Amino acid sequence: MRRINNQYNPRFRTRIKNGYAQYNDGSGWKWTHRRVAEKKLGKKIYPGYEVHHINGIKTDNRPSNLIVL
């Protein structure tokens, strides 16, 4: 697991876990790809749904590379 401190906001931290990017907004670790997909859709993604990276690169969290199944 690799941790990276955000230079602009020291309370906002990021890390890589199991190949996926995560961020901590102060209330716990969250998956970056799920948050990006929620912003793209404009609504919450509930448990049971999966967010897949189309190109298979787990750290490529561009909205165009994510699909919710």
N, C-alpha and C. Protein backbone atom coordinates (compact mmCIF):
# COMPACT_ATOMS: atom_id res chain seq x y z
N MET A 1 0.84 -1.16 0.00
CA MET A 1 0.00 0.00 0.00
C MET A 1 0.89 1.23 0.00
N ARG A 2 0.62 2.16 -0.90
CA ARG A 2 1.42 3.37 -1.03
C ARG A 2 0.56 4.56 -0.62
N ARG A 3 1.07 5.41 0.25
CA ARG A 3 0.34 6.58 0.69
C ARG A 3 0.99 7.83 0.11
N ILE A 4 0.16 8.77 -0.30
CA ILE A 4 0.63 10.02 -0.86
C ILE A 4 -0.11 11.14 -0.16
N ASN A 5 0.61 12.07 0.44
CA ASN A 5 -0.04 13.21 1.07
C ASN A 5 -0.32 14.28 0.03
N ASN A 6 -1.50 14.86 0.10
CA ASN A 6 -1.88 15.92 -0.82
C ASN A 6 -1.22 17.22 -0.36
N GLN A 7 -0.41 17.82 -1.21
CA GLN A 7 0.33 19.02 -0.83
C GLN A 7 -0.57 20.23 -0.64
N TYR A 8 -1.76 20.24 -1.22
CA TYR A 8 -2.65 21.38 -1.12
C TYR A 8 -3.56 21.30 0.10
N ASN A 9 -3.85 20.12 0.57
CA ASN A 9 -4.71 19.93 1.73
C ASN A 9 -4.15 18.74 2.52
N PRO A 10 -3.40 19.00 3.57
CA PRO A 10 -2.77 17.90 4.30
C PRO A 10 -3.77 16.93 4.94
N ARG A 11 -5.02 17.34 5.14
CA ARG A 11 -6.03 16.43 5.69
C ARG A 11 -6.55 15.47 4.64
N PHE A 12 -6.40 15.82 3.37
CA PHE A 12 -6.88 14.98 2.27
C PHE A 12 -5.74 14.10 1.81
N ARG A 13 -5.84 12.80 2.07
CA ARG A 13 -4.77 11.87 1.73
C ARG A 13 -5.24 10.90 0.66
N THR A 14 -4.27 10.38 -0.08
CA THR A 14 -4.57 9.37 -1.09
C THR A 14 -3.64 8.19 -0.88
N ARG A 15 -4.03 7.05 -1.41
CA ARG A 15 -3.20 5.86 -1.35
C ARG A 15 -3.62 4.91 -2.46
N ILE A 16 -2.77 3.94 -2.73
CA ILE A 16 -3.08 2.88 -3.67
C ILE A 16 -3.23 1.60 -2.85
N LYS A 17 -4.36 0.92 -2.99
CA LYS A 17 -4.60 -0.33 -2.28
C LYS A 17 -5.14 -1.35 -3.27
N ASN A 18 -4.48 -2.49 -3.35
CA ASN A 18 -4.86 -3.55 -4.30
C ASN A 18 -4.90 -3.04 -5.74
N GLY A 19 -4.08 -2.04 -6.04
CA GLY A 19 -4.00 -1.50 -7.38
C GLY A 19 -4.98 -0.38 -7.66
N TYR A 20 -5.92 -0.12 -6.74
CA TYR A 20 -6.94 0.91 -6.92
C TYR A 20 -6.60 2.15 -6.10
N ALA A 21 -6.89 3.34 -6.65
CA ALA A 21 -6.67 4.58 -5.92
C ALA A 21 -7.78 4.79 -4.91
N GLN A 22 -7.39 5.26 -3.73
CA GLN A 22 -8.34 5.61 -2.68
C GLN A 22 -8.01 7.00 -2.18
N TYR A 23 -9.00 7.65 -1.55
CA TYR A 23 -8.78 8.93 -0.91
C TYR A 23 -9.46 8.90 0.45
N ASN A 24 -8.96 9.73 1.35
CA ASN A 24 -9.54 9.85 2.68
C ASN A 24 -9.96 11.29 2.86
N ASP A 25 -11.26 11.50 3.00
CA ASP A 25 -11.79 12.85 3.15
C ASP A 25 -12.00 13.23 4.61
N GLY A 26 -11.45 12.44 5.53
CA GLY A 26 -11.60 12.70 6.95
C GLY A 26 -12.62 11.79 7.61
N SER A 27 -13.45 11.14 6.80
CA SER A 27 -14.45 10.23 7.36
C SER A 27 -14.18 8.78 6.98
N GLY A 28 -12.98 8.51 6.46
CA GLY A 28 -12.60 7.15 6.10
C GLY A 28 -12.14 7.05 4.66
N TRP A 29 -11.57 5.90 4.32
CA TRP A 29 -11.04 5.66 2.97
C TRP A 29 -12.17 5.32 2.02
N LYS A 30 -12.13 5.92 0.83
CA LYS A 30 -13.13 5.69 -0.20
C LYS A 30 -12.44 5.40 -1.53
N TRP A 31 -13.10 4.62 -2.38
CA TRP A 31 -12.54 4.28 -3.70
C TRP A 31 -12.74 5.45 -4.65
N THR A 32 -11.66 5.90 -5.25
CA THR A 32 -11.70 7.05 -6.16
C THR A 32 -12.58 6.77 -7.36
N HIS A 33 -12.48 5.57 -7.95
CA HIS A 33 -13.25 5.28 -9.16
C HIS A 33 -14.76 5.31 -8.90
N ARG A 34 -15.20 4.93 -7.72
CA ARG A 34 -16.63 4.99 -7.39
C ARG A 34 -17.10 6.44 -7.29
N ARG A 35 -16.28 7.30 -6.69
CA ARG A 35 -16.64 8.71 -6.56
C ARG A 35 -16.69 9.39 -7.92
N VAL A 36 -15.73 9.10 -8.77
CA VAL A 36 -15.72 9.68 -10.12
C VAL A 36 -16.96 9.22 -10.90
N ALA A 37 -17.32 7.94 -10.78
CA ALA A 37 -18.51 7.43 -11.47
C ALA A 37 -19.78 8.07 -10.92
N GLU A 38 -19.84 8.31 -9.61
CA GLU A 38 -21.01 8.98 -9.02
C GLU A 38 -21.14 10.39 -9.56
N LYS A 39 -20.04 11.11 -9.67
CA LYS A 39 -20.08 12.46 -10.24
C LYS A 39 -20.54 12.42 -11.69
N LYS A 40 -20.07 11.43 -12.44
CA LYS A 40 -20.45 11.29 -13.84
C LYS A 40 -21.95 11.04 -13.97
N LEU A 41 -22.50 10.16 -13.13
CA LEU A 41 -23.91 9.81 -13.18
C LEU A 41 -24.81 10.85 -12.52
N GLY A 42 -24.24 11.59 -11.58
CA GLY A 42 -25.03 12.57 -10.85
C GLY A 42 -25.86 11.97 -9.73
N LYS A 43 -25.52 10.75 -9.30
CA LYS A 43 -26.24 10.12 -8.20
C LYS A 43 -25.34 9.10 -7.52
N LYS A 44 -25.75 8.67 -6.33
CA LYS A 44 -24.98 7.70 -5.54
C LYS A 44 -25.02 6.32 -6.18
N ILE A 45 -23.91 5.62 -6.09
CA ILE A 45 -23.84 4.22 -6.54
C ILE A 45 -23.98 3.36 -5.29
N TYR A 46 -25.03 2.58 -5.23
CA TYR A 46 -25.33 1.80 -4.04
C TYR A 46 -24.55 0.48 -4.02
N PRO A 47 -24.37 -0.08 -2.82
CA PRO A 47 -23.70 -1.38 -2.70
C PRO A 47 -24.38 -2.42 -3.59
N GLY A 48 -23.58 -3.28 -4.18
CA GLY A 48 -24.10 -4.28 -5.10
C GLY A 48 -23.79 -3.94 -6.55
N TYR A 49 -23.58 -2.66 -6.82
CA TYR A 49 -23.17 -2.23 -8.15
C TYR A 49 -21.65 -2.18 -8.19
N GLU A 50 -21.08 -2.47 -9.34
CA GLU A 50 -19.63 -2.44 -9.51
C GLU A 50 -19.25 -1.40 -10.54
N VAL A 51 -18.12 -0.78 -10.33
CA VAL A 51 -17.56 0.18 -11.29
C VAL A 51 -16.35 -0.48 -11.92
N HIS A 52 -16.39 -0.65 -13.24
CA HIS A 52 -15.30 -1.30 -13.96
C HIS A 52 -14.51 -0.28 -14.77
N HIS A 53 -13.21 -0.54 -14.85
CA HIS A 53 -12.32 0.26 -15.70
C HIS A 53 -12.31 -0.40 -17.08
N ILE A 54 -12.77 0.30 -18.08
CA ILE A 54 -12.91 -0.26 -19.42
C ILE A 54 -11.57 -0.76 -19.97
N ASN A 55 -10.51 0.02 -19.77
CA ASN A 55 -9.20 -0.38 -20.32
C ASN A 55 -8.41 -1.29 -19.40
N GLY A 56 -8.96 -1.63 -18.22
CA GLY A 56 -8.31 -2.55 -17.30
C GLY A 56 -7.23 -1.94 -16.43
N ILE A 57 -6.97 -0.64 -16.58
CA ILE A 57 -5.96 0.03 -15.76
C ILE A 57 -6.65 0.60 -14.54
N LYS A 58 -6.36 0.01 -13.38
CA LYS A 58 -7.09 0.33 -12.15
C LYS A 58 -6.91 1.76 -11.66
N THR A 59 -5.86 2.42 -12.07
CA THR A 59 -5.64 3.80 -11.62
C THR A 59 -6.09 4.83 -12.66
N ASP A 60 -6.64 4.38 -13.77
CA ASP A 60 -7.16 5.29 -14.80
C ASP A 60 -8.61 5.60 -14.48
N ASN A 61 -8.82 6.68 -13.73
CA ASN A 61 -10.15 7.01 -13.23
C ASN A 61 -10.84 8.12 -14.02
N ARG A 62 -10.49 8.23 -15.30
CA ARG A 62 -11.20 9.19 -16.15
C ARG A 62 -12.66 8.76 -16.28
N PRO A 63 -13.60 9.68 -16.25
CA PRO A 63 -15.02 9.31 -16.38
C PRO A 63 -15.29 8.48 -17.63
N SER A 64 -14.61 8.77 -18.71
CA SER A 64 -14.85 8.03 -19.96
C SER A 64 -14.36 6.58 -19.88
N ASN A 65 -13.55 6.26 -18.89
CA ASN A 65 -13.00 4.91 -18.75
C ASN A 65 -13.77 4.06 -17.73
N LEU A 66 -14.81 4.62 -17.13
CA LEU A 66 -15.54 3.91 -16.09
C LEU A 66 -16.95 3.55 -16.55
N ILE A 67 -17.40 2.35 -16.16
CA ILE A 67 -18.74 1.89 -16.46
C ILE A 67 -19.31 1.23 -15.21
N VAL A 68 -20.56 1.53 -14.91
CA VAL A 68 -21.22 0.97 -13.72
C VAL A 68 -22.06 -0.23 -14.16
N LEU A 69 -21.88 -1.34 -13.49
CA LEU A 69 -22.63 -2.56 -13.78
C LEU A 69 -23.39 -3.02 -12.54
